Protein backbone atom coordinates (compact mmCIF):
# COMPACT_ATOMS: atom_id res chain seq x y z
CA MET A 1 -33.87 -14.80 22.62
CA PRO A 2 -31.63 -11.90 21.47
CA LYS A 3 -28.96 -12.67 18.92
CA VAL A 4 -25.39 -12.67 20.25
CA SER A 5 -23.06 -10.26 18.43
CA GLU A 6 -19.77 -11.38 16.92
CA GLU A 7 -17.97 -8.97 19.24
CA TYR A 8 -19.57 -10.64 22.26
CA ARG A 9 -18.69 -14.12 20.98
CA ALA A 10 -15.09 -13.06 20.31
CA ALA A 11 -14.81 -11.52 23.80
CA ARG A 12 -16.25 -14.68 25.40
CA ARG A 13 -13.79 -16.88 23.45
CA GLU A 14 -10.90 -14.69 24.63
CA GLU A 15 -12.17 -14.89 28.22
CA ILE A 16 -12.34 -18.69 28.05
CA LEU A 17 -8.93 -18.82 26.40
CA ASP A 18 -7.41 -16.64 29.15
CA VAL A 19 -8.75 -19.03 31.80
CA ALA A 20 -7.52 -22.05 29.85
CA LEU A 21 -4.05 -20.51 29.50
CA ARG A 22 -3.85 -19.97 33.25
CA CYS A 23 -5.03 -23.52 33.97
CA PHE A 24 -2.66 -25.10 31.44
CA ALA A 25 0.24 -23.06 32.86
CA GLU A 26 -0.61 -24.02 36.46
CA ARG A 27 -1.66 -27.66 36.00
CA GLY A 28 -0.37 -28.70 32.58
CA TYR A 29 -2.43 -29.98 29.69
CA ALA A 30 -2.93 -33.55 30.89
CA LYS A 31 -4.07 -32.52 34.38
CA THR A 32 -6.47 -29.79 33.26
CA SER A 33 -10.07 -30.87 32.76
CA ILE A 34 -13.12 -29.07 31.43
CA ALA A 35 -14.40 -29.18 35.01
CA ASP A 36 -11.31 -27.21 36.05
CA LEU A 37 -12.07 -24.64 33.36
CA VAL A 38 -15.70 -24.41 34.48
CA GLU A 39 -14.61 -23.85 38.08
CA ALA A 40 -11.92 -21.30 37.18
CA SER A 41 -14.10 -19.33 34.76
CA GLY A 42 -17.46 -19.50 36.49
CA LEU A 43 -18.99 -20.43 33.14
CA SER A 44 -20.94 -23.53 32.30
CA ALA A 45 -19.52 -26.46 30.39
CA GLY A 46 -22.04 -25.58 27.67
CA ALA A 47 -20.55 -22.09 27.34
CA ILE A 48 -17.09 -23.56 26.97
CA TYR A 49 -18.12 -26.22 24.45
CA GLY A 50 -20.32 -23.69 22.65
CA ASN A 51 -17.19 -21.65 21.91
CA PHE A 52 -14.72 -24.51 21.63
CA PRO A 53 -16.72 -27.54 20.37
CA ASP A 54 -13.68 -29.83 20.39
CA GLY A 55 -13.07 -28.99 24.05
CA LYS A 56 -9.66 -29.10 25.62
CA LYS A 57 -7.78 -29.98 22.43
CA GLU A 58 -9.20 -27.00 20.59
CA LEU A 59 -8.45 -24.71 23.55
CA PHE A 60 -4.88 -25.97 23.72
CA ALA A 61 -4.37 -25.38 20.02
CA ALA A 62 -6.01 -21.94 20.24
CA ALA A 63 -3.64 -21.03 23.07
CA ALA A 64 -0.67 -21.99 20.92
CA ALA A 65 -2.16 -20.08 18.01
CA ARG A 66 -2.41 -16.97 20.15
CA VAL A 67 1.24 -17.24 21.23
CA LEU A 68 2.53 -17.83 17.70
CA GLU A 69 0.32 -15.17 16.11
CA SER A 70 1.55 -12.64 18.67
CA ARG A 71 5.12 -13.42 17.65
CA ARG A 72 4.26 -12.98 13.96
CA ILE A 73 2.72 -9.57 14.69
CA GLU A 74 5.76 -8.49 16.75
CA LEU A 75 8.04 -9.39 13.86
CA ALA A 76 5.95 -7.36 11.41
CA GLU A 77 5.86 -4.35 13.75
CA ARG A 78 9.61 -4.42 14.35
CA ARG A 79 10.21 -4.77 10.60
CA ARG A 80 8.08 -1.69 9.95
CA GLY A 81 10.04 0.30 12.50
CA GLU A 82 13.56 -0.81 11.66
CA GLY A 83 13.62 -2.21 8.15
CA PRO A 84 14.86 -5.70 7.28
CA LEU A 85 15.91 -7.67 10.35
CA SER A 86 19.01 -9.86 10.37
CA PRO A 87 18.59 -13.57 11.14
CA GLY A 88 19.76 -12.96 14.72
CA GLU A 89 17.33 -10.06 15.16
CA VAL A 90 14.45 -12.16 13.80
CA ILE A 91 14.91 -14.99 16.28
CA ALA A 92 15.77 -12.64 19.16
CA THR A 93 12.49 -10.79 18.51
CA LEU A 94 10.56 -14.05 18.62
CA LEU A 95 12.23 -15.24 21.79
CA SER A 96 11.93 -11.89 23.56
CA GLY A 97 8.18 -12.15 23.06
CA ILE A 98 8.11 -15.74 24.24
CA ARG A 99 9.85 -14.68 27.46
CA THR A 100 6.78 -12.62 28.41
CA GLU A 101 4.26 -15.36 27.63
CA PRO A 102 3.08 -17.28 30.70
CA PHE A 103 1.92 -20.06 28.36
CA SER A 104 5.36 -20.56 26.81
CA ASP A 105 6.36 -23.08 29.48
CA VAL A 106 3.48 -25.30 28.34
CA LEU A 107 4.68 -25.35 24.72
CA PRO A 108 6.82 -28.48 25.21
CA GLN A 109 3.65 -30.26 26.38
CA LEU A 110 1.89 -29.05 23.26
CA TRP A 111 4.67 -30.40 21.06
CA SER A 112 4.54 -33.81 22.74
CA GLU A 113 0.74 -33.94 22.41
CA ALA A 114 0.98 -32.91 18.74
CA ILE A 115 3.32 -35.84 18.07
CA VAL A 116 0.76 -38.39 19.29
CA ASP A 117 -2.53 -36.59 18.57
CA ARG A 118 -3.21 -35.83 14.91
CA GLU A 119 -6.05 -33.40 15.72
CA ILE A 120 -3.80 -31.19 17.85
CA ARG A 121 -1.04 -31.47 15.28
CA ASP A 122 -3.35 -30.34 12.47
CA LEU A 123 -4.66 -27.39 14.48
CA VAL A 124 -1.20 -26.21 15.54
CA GLN A 125 0.47 -26.84 12.20
CA VAL A 126 -1.61 -24.22 10.40
CA VAL A 127 -0.48 -21.48 12.77
CA PHE A 128 3.10 -22.72 12.92
CA LEU A 129 3.32 -22.65 9.12
CA ARG A 130 2.08 -19.04 9.12
CA LEU A 131 4.86 -18.13 11.54
CA ARG A 132 7.45 -19.98 9.45
CA THR A 133 6.25 -18.13 6.34
CA ALA A 134 6.50 -14.78 8.15
CA ILE A 135 10.06 -15.57 9.21
CA GLY A 136 10.93 -16.60 5.64
CA VAL A 137 9.57 -13.31 4.30
CA GLN A 138 11.60 -11.37 6.87
CA LEU A 139 14.78 -13.25 5.99
CA ALA A 140 14.24 -12.87 2.24
CA ASP A 141 13.81 -9.10 2.72
CA TRP A 142 17.06 -8.96 4.66
CA ALA A 143 18.84 -11.08 2.03
CA ARG A 144 17.65 -8.75 -0.76
CA ALA A 145 19.03 -5.78 1.19
CA ASN A 146 22.32 -7.65 1.81
CA PRO A 147 23.00 -9.68 -1.36
CA ASP A 148 26.72 -9.80 -0.65
CA ARG A 149 26.06 -11.68 2.60
CA VAL A 150 24.03 -14.62 1.25
CA ASP A 151 24.69 -17.43 -1.18
CA GLY A 152 22.47 -17.39 -4.23
CA ASP A 153 18.91 -16.18 -4.66
CA PRO A 154 17.56 -14.33 -1.57
CA VAL A 155 14.29 -16.29 -1.55
CA GLY A 156 16.07 -19.63 -1.95
CA TRP A 157 18.52 -18.68 0.80
CA ALA A 158 15.64 -17.70 3.11
CA GLU A 159 13.84 -21.01 2.41
CA ARG A 160 16.98 -22.95 3.38
CA VAL A 161 17.79 -20.89 6.48
CA THR A 162 14.30 -20.40 7.95
CA PRO A 163 13.96 -23.91 9.48
CA VAL A 164 17.40 -23.53 11.08
CA ILE A 165 16.57 -20.11 12.54
CA LEU A 166 13.20 -21.35 13.78
CA SER A 167 14.79 -24.33 15.53
CA ALA A 168 16.46 -22.00 18.03
CA ALA A 169 13.07 -21.33 19.65
CA PRO A 170 12.48 -24.86 21.01
CA GLY A 171 16.05 -24.93 22.33
CA PHE A 172 15.47 -21.68 24.18
CA ILE A 173 12.08 -22.79 25.53
CA LEU A 174 13.35 -26.17 26.73
CA GLN A 175 16.46 -24.77 28.40
CA ARG A 176 14.34 -22.07 30.04
CA ALA A 177 11.91 -24.69 31.36
CA LEU A 178 14.48 -27.27 32.47
CA LEU A 179 17.67 -25.52 33.57
CA ASP A 180 17.69 -23.53 36.80
CA ASP A 181 20.84 -21.65 35.80
CA PHE A 182 19.73 -20.77 32.25
CA ASP A 183 20.62 -17.15 31.43
CA GLU A 184 17.94 -15.96 29.01
CA ALA A 185 19.51 -12.56 28.35
CA ALA A 186 22.91 -14.09 27.62
CA TYR A 187 21.30 -16.62 25.29
CA LEU A 188 19.55 -13.88 23.31
CA GLY A 189 22.74 -11.84 23.08
CA ALA A 190 24.77 -14.84 21.95
CA LEU A 191 22.08 -15.78 19.44
CA GLU A 192 22.31 -12.44 17.66
CA GLU A 193 26.10 -12.74 17.69
CA ALA A 194 26.06 -16.34 16.40
CA LEU A 195 23.57 -15.50 13.66
CA ALA A 196 25.12 -12.23 12.59
CA HIS A 197 25.55 -12.82 8.92
């Protein structure tokens, strides 16, 4: 039997993940089964488990990882193009990206599952901590460029402020998911204004 290349394996994982994202967005985590993924993808259960041995939990965490990693990359790209981003620009960049993610509406389900399922929590926490670190680095860079606008050491300031800045994302995601009259554009504009430092 010919050996499968890493490129092929990576492409197959992405294909499975795309299907899982669609299913989770349409049905939710609890109502999506491996059988649903088999039907939607046309692949066998063996192909799915061969790429995601822990099944649905691993797929769910990988979906979250993709969303959060995309946000980290967007922040780095914007930083390269514009220089240090203000706290408001950092969170607005994250949330603008989340607005385009079809999976973002499933994130509250992921958070609730992570609270009660240690495996999901451990998988998601690694990626979430990478995002938090990236935000902290961005904020420390901005603080170094604007020492007159922060209290104390730029790195210490960034460490204190990062969890507060990051907490705006769940508020945005929940309001977006739950409130019919939620104005996303107004929220993003007000966020930059409120966090102008």
